[in-house]
Amino acid sequence: MLLERIQEALAQDARQRQAQADTSLVLSRYAHLTPREQEVMALVIAGKSNKEI
């Protein structure tokens, strides 16, 4: 039972670390976009179509 709890905690920690790494990667890539690319990305996220953009 204790071993199971430890394994669950380690698995949760691994998931959290991976999520943090993924977030850092996305933020890093976003920072390298041009202002226009950032604008287009925001419009795509807002649900705008290519024609609207």
N, C-alpha and C. Protein backbone atom coordinates (compact mmCIF):
# COMPACT_ATOMS: atom_id res chain seq x y z
N MET A 1 0.82 -1.19 0.00
CA MET A 1 0.00 0.00 0.00
C MET A 1 0.87 1.26 0.00
N LEU A 2 1.87 1.31 0.86
CA LEU A 2 2.78 2.45 0.90
C LEU A 2 3.54 2.56 -0.42
N LEU A 3 3.98 1.41 -0.94
CA LEU A 3 4.71 1.40 -2.20
C LEU A 3 3.84 1.94 -3.33
N GLU A 4 2.56 1.58 -3.33
CA GLU A 4 1.65 2.08 -4.35
C GLU A 4 1.52 3.60 -4.27
N ARG A 5 1.42 4.13 -3.08
CA ARG A 5 1.31 5.59 -2.88
C ARG A 5 2.57 6.30 -3.37
N ILE A 6 3.71 5.70 -3.08
CA ILE A 6 4.97 6.29 -3.53
C ILE A 6 5.04 6.28 -5.05
N GLN A 7 4.64 5.18 -5.66
CA GLN A 7 4.65 5.08 -7.12
C GLN A 7 3.69 6.10 -7.73
N GLU A 8 2.52 6.27 -7.14
CA GLU A 8 1.55 7.27 -7.62
C GLU A 8 2.13 8.68 -7.52
N ALA A 9 2.79 8.96 -6.40
CA ALA A 9 3.38 10.29 -6.20
C ALA A 9 4.48 10.54 -7.23
N LEU A 10 5.30 9.54 -7.48
CA LEU A 10 6.37 9.68 -8.47
C LEU A 10 5.80 9.87 -9.87
N ALA A 11 4.75 9.14 -10.19
CA ALA A 11 4.12 9.28 -11.50
C ALA A 11 3.50 10.67 -11.66
N GLN A 12 2.86 11.16 -10.61
CA GLN A 12 2.27 12.50 -10.66
C GLN A 12 3.36 13.55 -10.83
N ASP A 13 4.46 13.39 -10.12
CA ASP A 13 5.58 14.33 -10.24
C ASP A 13 6.13 14.32 -11.66
N ALA A 14 6.25 13.16 -12.25
CA ALA A 14 6.75 13.05 -13.63
C ALA A 14 5.81 13.76 -14.60
N ARG A 15 4.50 13.60 -14.39
CA ARG A 15 3.53 14.27 -15.26
C ARG A 15 3.63 15.78 -15.12
N GLN A 16 3.77 16.25 -13.89
CA GLN A 16 3.88 17.69 -13.65
C GLN A 16 5.15 18.26 -14.26
N ARG A 17 6.24 17.54 -14.13
CA ARG A 17 7.51 17.99 -14.72
C ARG A 17 7.40 18.04 -16.24
N GLN A 18 6.75 17.05 -16.84
CA GLN A 18 6.58 17.04 -18.29
C GLN A 18 5.70 18.19 -18.74
N ALA A 19 4.64 18.45 -18.01
CA ALA A 19 3.76 19.57 -18.35
C ALA A 19 4.51 20.89 -18.26
N GLN A 20 5.34 21.04 -17.25
CA GLN A 20 6.13 22.26 -17.10
C GLN A 20 7.13 22.40 -18.25
N ALA A 21 7.75 21.32 -18.65
CA ALA A 21 8.70 21.35 -19.77
C ALA A 21 7.98 21.70 -21.06
N ASP A 22 6.79 21.12 -21.26
CA ASP A 22 6.00 21.42 -22.45
C ASP A 22 5.63 22.89 -22.50
N THR A 23 5.21 23.44 -21.37
CA THR A 23 4.85 24.86 -21.29
C THR A 23 6.04 25.74 -21.61
N SER A 24 7.19 25.40 -21.07
CA SER A 24 8.40 26.18 -21.33
C SER A 24 8.75 26.15 -22.81
N LEU A 25 8.60 25.01 -23.44
CA LEU A 25 8.90 24.88 -24.87
C LEU A 25 7.96 25.76 -25.69
N VAL A 26 6.67 25.71 -25.39
CA VAL A 26 5.70 26.52 -26.13
C VAL A 26 6.00 28.00 -25.95
N LEU A 27 6.28 28.43 -24.73
CA LEU A 27 6.58 29.84 -24.49
C LEU A 27 7.85 30.27 -25.22
N SER A 28 8.83 29.41 -25.25
CA SER A 28 10.07 29.71 -25.96
C SER A 28 9.83 29.86 -27.45
N ARG A 29 9.05 28.95 -28.00
CA ARG A 29 8.75 29.02 -29.44
C ARG A 29 7.91 30.26 -29.75
N TYR A 30 6.96 30.57 -28.89
CA TYR A 30 6.12 31.75 -29.09
C TYR A 30 6.97 33.02 -29.09
N ALA A 31 7.95 33.08 -28.22
CA ALA A 31 8.81 34.26 -28.11
C ALA A 31 9.61 34.50 -29.39
N HIS A 32 9.81 33.44 -30.17
CA HIS A 32 10.58 33.58 -31.41
C HIS A 32 9.71 33.93 -32.62
N LEU A 33 8.41 34.01 -32.42
CA LEU A 33 7.52 34.41 -33.53
C LEU A 33 7.63 35.91 -33.76
N THR A 34 7.42 36.30 -35.01
CA THR A 34 7.38 37.73 -35.31
C THR A 34 6.08 38.30 -34.73
N PRO A 35 6.01 39.62 -34.59
CA PRO A 35 4.76 40.21 -34.10
C PRO A 35 3.55 39.82 -34.96
N ARG A 36 3.73 39.76 -36.27
CA ARG A 36 2.62 39.38 -37.15
C ARG A 36 2.23 37.92 -36.92
N GLU A 37 3.21 37.05 -36.75
CA GLU A 37 2.91 35.64 -36.48
C GLU A 37 2.17 35.49 -35.16
N GLN A 38 2.54 36.27 -34.16
CA GLN A 38 1.85 36.24 -32.88
C GLN A 38 0.41 36.72 -33.04
N GLU A 39 0.23 37.74 -33.86
CA GLU A 39 -1.12 38.26 -34.12
C GLU A 39 -1.98 37.20 -34.81
N VAL A 40 -1.42 36.56 -35.83
CA VAL A 40 -2.16 35.52 -36.55
C VAL A 40 -2.48 34.36 -35.61
N MET A 41 -1.53 33.98 -34.78
CA MET A 41 -1.77 32.89 -33.83
C MET A 41 -2.93 33.23 -32.90
N ALA A 42 -2.97 34.45 -32.41
CA ALA A 42 -4.07 34.87 -31.52
C ALA A 42 -5.40 34.79 -32.25
N LEU A 43 -5.42 35.17 -33.51
CA LEU A 43 -6.66 35.12 -34.29
C LEU A 43 -7.11 33.68 -34.53
N VAL A 44 -6.16 32.80 -34.81
CA VAL A 44 -6.48 31.38 -35.01
C VAL A 44 -7.05 30.79 -33.72
N ILE A 45 -6.40 31.11 -32.60
CA ILE A 45 -6.88 30.61 -31.31
C ILE A 45 -8.28 31.13 -31.01
N ALA A 46 -8.57 32.35 -31.47
CA ALA A 46 -9.89 32.95 -31.26
C ALA A 46 -10.94 32.36 -32.19
N GLY A 47 -10.51 31.46 -33.09
CA GLY A 47 -11.46 30.78 -33.96
C GLY A 47 -11.68 31.44 -35.30
N LYS A 48 -10.84 32.39 -35.66
CA LYS A 48 -10.99 33.07 -36.95
C LYS A 48 -10.54 32.14 -38.08
N SER A 49 -11.20 32.26 -39.21
CA SER A 49 -10.83 31.45 -40.38
C SER A 49 -9.72 32.15 -41.15
N ASN A 50 -9.10 31.42 -42.08
CA ASN A 50 -8.06 32.02 -42.91
C ASN A 50 -8.60 33.24 -43.65
N LYS A 51 -9.82 33.12 -44.12
CA LYS A 51 -10.42 34.22 -44.87
C LYS A 51 -10.59 35.45 -43.98
N GLU A 52 -10.98 35.26 -42.74
CA GLU A 52 -11.16 36.39 -41.81
C GLU A 52 -9.82 37.02 -41.42
N ILE A 53 -8.80 36.21 -41.37
CA ILE A 53 -7.47 36.72 -40.99
C ILE A 53 -6.90 37.49 -42.15
